[in-house]
Amino acid sequence: ARITSTDSTNYADSVKGRFTISRDNAKNTVSLPMN
């Protein structure tokens, strides 16, 4: 998964719909909840 500086995202087909990528610029973190 990838997330740009403008919050555009893309995912591998194998994880699409199951994983989510997000970023918190105030905390300098990126997360990947996986279901």
PDB file of all heavy atoms in Angstrom:
ATOM      1  N   ALA A   1       0.841  -1.187   0.000  1.00  0.00           N
ATOM      2  CA  ALA A   1       0.000   0.000   0.000  1.00  0.00           C
ATOM      3  C   ALA A   1       0.874   1.234   0.000  1.00  0.00           C
ATOM      4  O   ALA A   1       2.002   1.212   0.492  1.00  0.00           O
ATOM      5  CB  ALA A   1      -0.934   0.022   1.212  1.00  0.00           C
ATOM      6  N   ARG A   2       0.341   2.318  -0.539  1.00  0.00           N
ATOM      7  CA  ARG A   2       1.088   3.557  -0.641  1.00  0.00           C
ATOM      8  C   ARG A   2       0.150   4.730  -0.399  1.00  0.00           C
ATOM      9  O   ARG A   2      -1.019   4.708  -0.805  1.00  0.00           O
ATOM     10  CB  ARG A   2       1.731   3.669  -2.033  1.00  0.00           C
ATOM     11  CG  ARG A   2       2.400   4.988  -2.338  1.00  0.00           C
ATOM     12  CD  ARG A   2       2.999   4.946  -3.742  1.00  0.00           C
ATOM     13  NE  ARG A   2       4.166   4.076  -3.801  1.00  0.00           N
ATOM     14  CZ  ARG A   2       4.488   3.318  -4.842  1.00  0.00           C
ATOM     15  NH1 ARG A   2       3.716   3.315  -5.925  1.00  0.00           N
ATOM     16  NH2 ARG A   2       5.576   2.572  -4.809  1.00  0.00           N
ATOM     17  N   ILE A   3       0.671   5.755   0.246  1.00  0.00           N
ATOM     18  CA  ILE A   3      -0.096   6.979   0.443  1.00  0.00           C
ATOM     19  C   ILE A   3       0.811   8.167   0.169  1.00  0.00           C
ATOM     20  O   ILE A   3       1.940   8.240   0.651  1.00  0.00           O
ATOM     21  CB  ILE A   3      -0.719   7.041   1.859  1.00  0.00           C
ATOM     22  CG1 ILE A   3      -1.596   8.286   2.010  1.00  0.00           C
ATOM     23  CG2 ILE A   3       0.352   6.972   2.949  1.00  0.00           C
ATOM     24  CD1 ILE A   3      -2.498   8.223   3.239  1.00  0.00           C
ATOM     25  N   THR A   4       0.321   9.105  -0.627  1.00  0.00           N
ATOM     26  CA  THR A   4       1.114  10.257  -1.019  1.00  0.00           C
ATOM     27  C   THR A   4       0.960  11.388  -0.020  1.00  0.00           C
ATOM     28  O   THR A   4       0.212  11.304   0.943  1.00  0.00           O
ATOM     29  CB  THR A   4       0.704  10.758  -2.406  1.00  0.00           C
ATOM     30  OG1 THR A   4      -0.588  11.378  -2.322  1.00  0.00           O
ATOM     31  CG2 THR A   4       0.650   9.616  -3.410  1.00  0.00           C
ATOM     32  N   SER A   5       1.668  12.472  -0.290  1.00  0.00           N
ATOM     33  CA  SER A   5       1.588  13.647   0.569  1.00  0.00           C
ATOM     34  C   SER A   5       0.230  14.329   0.502  1.00  0.00           C
ATOM     35  O   SER A   5      -0.102  15.117   1.384  1.00  0.00           O
ATOM     36  CB  SER A   5       2.684  14.647   0.203  1.00  0.00           C
ATOM     37  OG  SER A   5       2.549  15.069  -1.144  1.00  0.00           O
ATOM     38  N   THR A   6      -0.547  14.030  -0.538  1.00  0.00           N
ATOM     39  CA  THR A   6      -1.891  14.576  -0.672  1.00  0.00           C
ATOM     40  C   THR A   6      -2.967  13.548  -0.355  1.00  0.00           C
ATOM     41  O   THR A   6      -4.128  13.718  -0.715  1.00  0.00           O
ATOM     42  CB  THR A   6      -2.114  15.140  -2.079  1.00  0.00           C
ATOM     43  OG1 THR A   6      -1.861  14.129  -3.054  1.00  0.00           O
ATOM     44  CG2 THR A   6      -1.183  16.314  -2.336  1.00  0.00           C
ATOM     45  N   ASP A   7      -2.574  12.457   0.290  1.00  0.00           N
ATOM     46  CA  ASP A   7      -3.487  11.427   0.771  1.00  0.00           C
ATOM     47  C   ASP A   7      -4.100  10.579  -0.331  1.00  0.00           C
ATOM     48  O   ASP A   7      -5.117   9.907  -0.112  1.00  0.00           O
ATOM     49  CB  ASP A   7      -4.593  12.022   1.641  1.00  0.00           C
ATOM     50  CG  ASP A   7      -4.095  12.491   2.986  1.00  0.00           C
ATOM     51  OD1 ASP A   7      -3.020  12.034   3.415  1.00  0.00           O
ATOM     52  OD2 ASP A   7      -4.780  13.334   3.606  1.00  0.00           O
ATOM     53  N   SER A   8      -3.494  10.592  -1.504  1.00  0.00           N
ATOM     54  CA  SER A   8      -3.877   9.625  -2.519  1.00  0.00           C
ATOM     55  C   SER A   8      -3.310   8.257  -2.142  1.00  0.00           C
ATOM     56  O   SER A   8      -2.171   8.158  -1.684  1.00  0.00           O
ATOM     57  CB  SER A   8      -3.353  10.057  -3.881  1.00  0.00           C
ATOM     58  OG  SER A   8      -3.659   9.099  -4.876  1.00  0.00           O
ATOM     59  N   THR A   9      -4.099   7.207  -2.329  1.00  0.00           N
ATOM     60  CA  THR A   9      -3.677   5.869  -1.930  1.00  0.00           C
ATOM     61  C   THR A   9      -3.775   4.890  -3.080  1.00  0.00           C
ATOM     62  O   THR A   9      -4.553   5.070  -4.020  1.00  0.00           O
ATOM     63  CB  THR A   9      -4.530   5.333  -0.767  1.00  0.00           C
ATOM     64  OG1 THR A   9      -5.903   5.270  -1.167  1.00  0.00           O
ATOM     65  CG2 THR A   9      -4.403   6.237   0.453  1.00  0.00           C
ATOM     66  N   ASN A  10      -2.983   3.844  -3.008  1.00  0.00           N
ATOM     67  CA  ASN A  10      -3.156   2.701  -3.872  1.00  0.00           C
ATOM     68  C   ASN A  10      -2.714   1.445  -3.140  1.00  0.00           C
ATOM     69  O   ASN A  10      -1.959   1.503  -2.175  1.00  0.00           O
ATOM     70  CB  ASN A  10      -2.450   2.855  -5.225  1.00  0.00           C
ATOM     71  CG  ASN A  10      -0.984   3.181  -5.106  1.00  0.00           C
ATOM     72  OD1 ASN A  10      -0.208   2.441  -4.514  1.00  0.00           O
ATOM     73  ND2 ASN A  10      -0.586   4.304  -5.708  1.00  0.00           N
ATOM     74  N   TYR A  11      -3.217   0.312  -3.618  1.00  0.00           N
ATOM     75  CA  TYR A  11      -3.035  -0.957  -2.942  1.00  0.00           C
ATOM     76  C   TYR A  11      -2.722  -2.056  -3.932  1.00  0.00           C
ATOM     77  O   TYR A  11      -3.147  -2.018  -5.088  1.00  0.00           O
ATOM     78  CB  TYR A  11      -4.303  -1.356  -2.190  1.00  0.00           C
ATOM     79  CG  TYR A  11      -4.724  -0.398  -1.118  1.00  0.00           C
ATOM     80  CD1 TYR A  11      -5.559   0.674  -1.400  1.00  0.00           C
ATOM     81  CD2 TYR A  11      -4.291  -0.574   0.191  1.00  0.00           C
ATOM     82  CE1 TYR A  11      -5.947   1.555  -0.411  1.00  0.00           C
ATOM     83  CE2 TYR A  11      -4.677   0.298   1.187  1.00  0.00           C
ATOM     84  CZ  TYR A  11      -5.502   1.360   0.877  1.00  0.00           C
ATOM     85  OH  TYR A  11      -5.888   2.230   1.869  1.00  0.00           O
ATOM     86  N   ALA A  12      -2.013  -3.049  -3.468  1.00  0.00           N
ATOM     87  CA  ALA A  12      -1.893  -4.274  -4.229  1.00  0.00           C
ATOM     88  C   ALA A  12      -3.263  -4.926  -4.343  1.00  0.00           C
ATOM     89  O   ALA A  12      -4.069  -4.870  -3.412  1.00  0.00           O
ATOM     90  CB  ALA A  12      -0.914  -5.232  -3.550  1.00  0.00           C
ATOM     91  N   ASP A  13      -3.535  -5.538  -5.482  1.00  0.00           N
ATOM     92  CA  ASP A  13      -4.824  -6.182  -5.676  1.00  0.00           C
ATOM     93  C   ASP A  13      -5.109  -7.230  -4.603  1.00  0.00           C
ATOM     94  O   ASP A  13      -6.261  -7.426  -4.210  1.00  0.00           O
ATOM     95  CB  ASP A  13      -4.894  -6.835  -7.053  1.00  0.00           C
ATOM     96  CG  ASP A  13      -5.012  -5.830  -8.176  1.00  0.00           C
ATOM     97  OD1 ASP A  13      -5.403  -4.677  -7.920  1.00  0.00           O
ATOM     98  OD2 ASP A  13      -4.720  -6.201  -9.327  1.00  0.00           O
ATOM     99  N   SER A  14      -4.078  -7.882  -4.125  1.00  0.00           N
ATOM    100  CA  SER A  14      -4.248  -8.956  -3.170  1.00  0.00           C
ATOM    101  C   SER A  14      -4.734  -8.484  -1.803  1.00  0.00           C
ATOM    102  O   SER A  14      -5.245  -9.290  -1.020  1.00  0.00           O
ATOM    103  CB  SER A  14      -2.940  -9.733  -3.007  1.00  0.00           C
ATOM    104  OG  SER A  14      -1.904  -8.880  -2.553  1.00  0.00           O
ATOM    105  N   VAL A  15      -4.580  -7.203  -1.503  1.00  0.00           N
ATOM    106  CA  VAL A  15      -4.984  -6.688  -0.198  1.00  0.00           C
ATOM    107  C   VAL A  15      -6.106  -5.670  -0.283  1.00  0.00           C
ATOM    108  O   VAL A  15      -6.632  -5.249   0.758  1.00  0.00           O
ATOM    109  CB  VAL A  15      -3.793  -6.073   0.567  1.00  0.00           C
ATOM    110  CG1 VAL A  15      -2.627  -7.043   0.613  1.00  0.00           C
ATOM    111  CG2 VAL A  15      -3.366  -4.745  -0.053  1.00  0.00           C
ATOM    112  N   LYS A  16      -6.482  -5.288  -1.473  1.00  0.00           N
ATOM    113  CA  LYS A  16      -7.517  -4.275  -1.650  1.00  0.00           C
ATOM    114  C   LYS A  16      -8.818  -4.707  -0.983  1.00  0.00           C
ATOM    115  O   LYS A  16      -9.281  -5.833  -1.163  1.00  0.00           O
ATOM    116  CB  LYS A  16      -7.732  -4.019  -3.142  1.00  0.00           C
ATOM    117  CG  LYS A  16      -8.510  -2.756  -3.458  1.00  0.00           C
ATOM    118  CD  LYS A  16      -8.497  -2.469  -4.958  1.00  0.00           C
ATOM    119  CE  LYS A  16      -7.084  -2.233  -5.465  1.00  0.00           C
ATOM    120  NZ  LYS A  16      -7.055  -1.936  -6.919  1.00  0.00           N
ATOM    121  N   GLY A  17      -9.384  -3.814  -0.208  1.00  0.00           N
ATOM    122  CA  GLY A  17     -10.607  -4.107   0.514  1.00  0.00           C
ATOM    123  C   GLY A  17     -10.391  -4.704   1.884  1.00  0.00           C
ATOM    124  O   GLY A  17     -11.332  -4.768   2.681  1.00  0.00           O
ATOM    125  N   ARG A  18      -9.174  -5.153   2.174  1.00  0.00           N
ATOM    126  CA  ARG A  18      -8.860  -5.746   3.466  1.00  0.00           C
ATOM    127  C   ARG A  18      -7.923  -4.882   4.299  1.00  0.00           C
ATOM    128  O   ARG A  18      -8.035  -4.855   5.524  1.00  0.00           O
ATOM    129  CB  ARG A  18      -8.232  -7.132   3.291  1.00  0.00           C
ATOM    130  CG  ARG A  18      -9.121  -8.117   2.551  1.00  0.00           C
ATOM    131  CD  ARG A  18      -8.526  -9.516   2.573  1.00  0.00           C
ATOM    132  NE  ARG A  18      -7.238  -9.574   1.878  1.00  0.00           N
ATOM    133  CZ  ARG A  18      -6.105  -9.961   2.453  1.00  0.00           C
ATOM    134  NH1 ARG A  18      -6.087 -10.329   3.729  1.00  0.00           N
ATOM    135  NH2 ARG A  18      -4.984  -9.995   1.744  1.00  0.00           N
ATOM    136  N   PHE A  19      -6.987  -4.215   3.634  1.00  0.00           N
ATOM    137  CA  PHE A  19      -6.015  -3.363   4.307  1.00  0.00           C
ATOM    138  C   PHE A  19      -6.347  -1.906   4.023  1.00  0.00           C
ATOM    139  O   PHE A  19      -6.893  -1.561   2.973  1.00  0.00           O
ATOM    140  CB  PHE A  19      -4.597  -3.636   3.818  1.00  0.00           C
ATOM    141  CG  PHE A  19      -4.040  -5.005   4.114  1.00  0.00           C
ATOM    142  CD1 PHE A  19      -4.812  -5.993   4.692  1.00  0.00           C
ATOM    143  CD2 PHE A  19      -2.726  -5.291   3.797  1.00  0.00           C
ATOM    144  CE1 PHE A  19      -4.297  -7.254   4.954  1.00  0.00           C
ATOM    145  CE2 PHE A  19      -2.193  -6.542   4.057  1.00  0.00           C
ATOM    146  CZ  PHE A  19      -2.974  -7.520   4.632  1.00  0.00           C
ATOM    147  N   THR A  20      -5.971  -1.048   4.939  1.00  0.00           N
ATOM    148  CA  THR A  20      -6.132   0.388   4.777  1.00  0.00           C
ATOM    149  C   THR A  20      -4.849   1.080   5.198  1.00  0.00           C
ATOM    150  O   THR A  20      -4.273   0.740   6.234  1.00  0.00           O
ATOM    151  CB  THR A  20      -7.302   0.924   5.620  1.00  0.00           C
ATOM    152  OG1 THR A  20      -8.498   0.214   5.295  1.00  0.00           O
ATOM    153  CG2 THR A  20      -7.513   2.414   5.349  1.00  0.00           C
ATOM    154  N   ILE A  21      -4.397   2.036   4.395  1.00  0.00           N
ATOM    155  CA  ILE A  21      -3.239   2.832   4.770  1.00  0.00           C
ATOM    156  C   ILE A  21      -3.703   4.249   5.096  1.00  0.00           C
ATOM    157  O   ILE A  21      -4.570   4.803   4.427  1.00  0.00           O
ATOM    158  CB  ILE A  21      -2.157   2.840   3.667  1.00  0.00           C
ATOM    159  CG1 ILE A  21      -0.870   3.510   4.172  1.00  0.00           C
ATOM    160  CG2 ILE A  21      -2.657   3.496   2.388  1.00  0.00           C
ATOM    161  CD1 ILE A  21       0.322   3.318   3.249  1.00  0.00           C
ATOM    162  N   SER A  22      -3.133   4.813   6.135  1.00  0.00           N
ATOM    163  CA  SER A  22      -3.437   6.182   6.512  1.00  0.00           C
ATOM    164  C   SER A  22      -2.198   6.816   7.127  1.00  0.00           C
ATOM    165  O   SER A  22      -1.273   6.113   7.548  1.00  0.00           O
ATOM    166  CB  SER A  22      -4.617   6.246   7.489  1.00  0.00           C
ATOM    167  OG  SER A  22      -4.303   5.595   8.709  1.00  0.00           O
ATOM    168  N   ARG A  23      -2.198   8.124   7.160  1.00  0.00           N
ATOM    169  CA  ARG A  23      -1.062   8.831   7.754  1.00  0.00           C
ATOM    170  C   ARG A  23      -1.560   9.932   8.668  1.00  0.00           C
ATOM    171  O   ARG A  23      -2.634  10.503   8.465  1.00  0.00           O
ATOM    172  CB  ARG A  23      -0.144   9.404   6.666  1.00  0.00           C
ATOM    173  CG  ARG A  23      -0.760  10.523   5.831  1.00  0.00           C
ATOM    174  CD  ARG A  23       0.102  10.826   4.606  1.00  0.00           C
ATOM    175  NE  ARG A  23       1.427  11.289   4.973  1.00  0.00           N
ATOM    176  CZ  ARG A  23       2.494  11.212   4.184  1.00  0.00           C
ATOM    177  NH1 ARG A  23       2.389  10.669   2.972  1.00  0.00           N
ATOM    178  NH2 ARG A  23       3.667  11.663   4.604  1.00  0.00           N
ATOM    179  N   ASP A  24      -0.766  10.212   9.673  1.00  0.00           N
ATOM    180  CA  ASP A  24      -1.033  11.292  10.601  1.00  0.00           C
ATOM    181  C   ASP A  24       0.204  12.177  10.595  1.00  0.00           C
ATOM    182  O   ASP A  24       1.211  11.861  11.236  1.00  0.00           O
ATOM    183  CB  ASP A  24      -1.328  10.759  11.999  1.00  0.00           C
ATOM    184  CG  ASP A  24      -1.766  11.839  12.959  1.00  0.00           C
ATOM    185  OD1 ASP A  24      -1.442  13.019  12.742  1.00  0.00           O
ATOM    186  OD2 ASP A  24      -2.446  11.502  13.946  1.00  0.00           O
ATOM    187  N   ASN A  25       0.131  13.265   9.857  1.00  0.00           N
ATOM    188  CA  ASN A  25       1.301  14.130   9.702  1.00  0.00           C
ATOM    189  C   ASN A  25       1.664  14.860  10.993  1.00  0.00           C
ATOM    190  O   ASN A  25       2.809  15.275  11.159  1.00  0.00           O
ATOM    191  CB  ASN A  25       1.069  15.129   8.578  1.00  0.00           C
ATOM    192  CG  ASN A  25       1.048  14.477   7.213  1.00  0.00           C
ATOM    193  OD1 ASN A  25       1.648  13.411   7.008  1.00  0.00           O
ATOM    194  ND2 ASN A  25       0.370  15.099   6.269  1.00  0.00           N
ATOM    195  N   ALA A  26       0.696  15.034  11.873  1.00  0.00           N
ATOM    196  CA  ALA A  26       0.982  15.678  13.152  1.00  0.00           C
ATOM    197  C   ALA A  26       1.793  14.774  14.064  1.00  0.00           C
ATOM    198  O   ALA A  26       2.537  15.254  14.920  1.00  0.00           O
ATOM    199  CB  ALA A  26      -0.311  16.099  13.839  1.00  0.00           C
ATOM    200  N   LYS A  27       1.640  13.467  13.895  1.00  0.00           N
ATOM    201  CA  LYS A  27       2.349  12.506  14.724  1.00  0.00           C
ATOM    202  C   LYS A  27       3.485  11.805  13.995  1.00  0.00           C
ATOM    203  O   LYS A  27       4.185  10.984  14.591  1.00  0.00           O
ATOM    204  CB  LYS A  27       1.376  11.462  15.262  1.00  0.00           C
ATOM    205  CG  LYS A  27       0.305  12.023  16.169  1.00  0.00           C
ATOM    206  CD  LYS A  27      -0.612  10.933  16.676  1.00  0.00           C
ATOM    207  CE  LYS A  27      -1.666  11.489  17.613  1.00  0.00           C
ATOM    208  NZ  LYS A  27      -2.580  10.438  18.099  1.00  0.00           N
ATOM    209  N   ASN A  28       3.657  12.100  12.712  1.00  0.00           N
ATOM    210  CA  ASN A  28       4.689  11.451  11.898  1.00  0.00           C
ATOM    211  C   ASN A  28       4.547   9.930  11.918  1.00  0.00           C
ATOM    212  O   ASN A  28       5.518   9.195  12.136  1.00  0.00           O
ATOM    213  CB  ASN A  28       6.087  11.856  12.358  1.00  0.00           C
ATOM    214  CG  ASN A  28       6.474  13.253  11.923  1.00  0.00           C
ATOM    215  OD1 ASN A  28       5.658  14.007  11.397  1.00  0.00           O
ATOM    216  ND2 ASN A  28       7.732  13.603  12.144  1.00  0.00           N
ATOM    217  N   THR A  29       3.336   9.475  11.696  1.00  0.00           N
ATOM    218  CA  THR A  29       3.079   8.042  11.680  1.00  0.00           C
ATOM    219  C   THR A  29       2.272   7.653  10.457  1.00  0.00           C
ATOM    220  O   THR A  29       1.507   8.446   9.907  1.00  0.00           O
ATOM    221  CB  THR A  29       2.324   7.579  12.934  1.00  0.00           C
ATOM    222  OG1 THR A  29       1.074   8.268  13.031  1.00  0.00           O
ATOM    223  CG2 THR A  29       3.146   7.834  14.189  1.00  0.00           C
ATOM    224  N   VAL A  30       2.448   6.422  10.045  1.00  0.00           N
ATOM    225  CA  VAL A  30       1.627   5.816   9.009  1.00  0.00           C
ATOM    226  C   VAL A  30       1.163   4.470   9.545  1.00  0.00           C
ATOM    227  O   VAL A  30       1.932   3.754  10.196  1.00  0.00           O
ATOM    228  CB  VAL A  30       2.387   5.681   7.674  1.00  0.00           C
ATOM    229  CG1 VAL A  30       3.649   4.851   7.835  1.00  0.00           C
ATOM    230  CG2 VAL A  30       1.488   5.100   6.591  1.00  0.00           C
ATOM    231  N   SER A  31      -0.096   4.155   9.288  1.00  0.00           N
ATOM    232  CA  SER A  31      -0.702   2.954   9.843  1.00  0.00           C
ATOM    233  C   SER A  31      -1.230   2.055   8.741  1.00  0.00           C
ATOM    234  O   SER A  31      -1.545   2.507   7.646  1.00  0.00           O
ATOM    235  CB  SER A  31      -1.850   3.315  10.790  1.00  0.00           C
ATOM    236  OG  SER A  31      -1.388   4.068  11.882  1.00  0.00           O
ATOM    237  N   LEU A  32      -1.331   0.784   9.061  1.00  0.00           N
ATOM    238  CA  LEU A  32      -1.889  -0.201   8.142  1.00  0.00           C
ATOM    239  C   LEU A  32      -2.753  -1.184   8.921  1.00  0.00           C
ATOM    240  O   LEU A  32      -2.272  -2.256   9.322  1.00  0.00           O
ATOM    241  CB  LEU A  32      -0.780  -0.939   7.391  1.00  0.00           C
ATOM    242  CG  LEU A  32      -1.248  -1.846   6.258  1.00  0.00           C
ATOM    243  CD1 LEU A  32      -1.707  -1.015   5.068  1.00  0.00           C
ATOM    244  CD2 LEU A  32      -0.137  -2.811   5.844  1.00  0.00           C
ATOM    245  N   PRO A  33      -4.018  -0.841   9.154  1.00  0.00           N
ATOM    246  CA  PRO A  33      -4.934  -1.838   9.719  1.00  0.00           C
ATOM    247  C   PRO A  33      -5.182  -2.931   8.693  1.00  0.00           C
ATOM    248  O   PRO A  33      -5.479  -2.639   7.531  1.00  0.00           O
ATOM    249  CB  PRO A  33      -6.208  -1.043  10.004  1.00  0.00           C
ATOM    250  CG  PRO A  33      -5.817   0.401   9.886  1.00  0.00           C
ATOM    251  CD  PRO A  33      -4.679   0.451   8.930  1.00  0.00           C
ATOM    252  N   MET A  34      -5.062  -4.175   9.124  1.00  0.00           N
ATOM    253  CA  MET A  34      -5.208  -5.320   8.241  1.00  0.00           C
ATOM    254  C   MET A  34      -6.322  -6.202   8.780  1.00  0.00           C
ATOM    255  O   MET A  34      -6.263  -6.646   9.926  1.00  0.00           O
ATOM    256  CB  MET A  34      -3.901  -6.107   8.154  1.00  0.00           C
ATOM    257  CG  MET A  34      -2.697  -5.264   7.754  1.00  0.00           C
ATOM    258  SD  MET A  34      -1.181  -6.242   7.606  1.00  0.00           S
ATOM    259  CE  MET A  34      -0.953  -6.739   9.319  1.00  0.00           C
ATOM    260  N   ASN A  35      -7.303  -6.453   7.944  1.00  0.00           N
ATOM    261  CA  ASN A  35      -8.439  -7.276   8.319  1.00  0.00           C
ATOM    262  C   ASN A  35      -8.508  -8.518   7.446  1.00  0.00           C
ATOM    263  O   ASN A  35      -7.900  -8.586   6.379  1.00  0.00           O
ATOM    264  CB  ASN A  35      -9.743  -6.488   8.188  1.00  0.00           C
ATOM    265  CG  ASN A  35      -9.794  -5.274   9.082  1.00  0.00           C
ATOM    266  OD1 ASN A  35      -9.399  -5.331  10.247  1.00  0.00           O
ATOM    267  ND2 ASN A  35     -10.294  -4.170   8.543  1.00  0.00           N
TER     268      ASN A  35
END
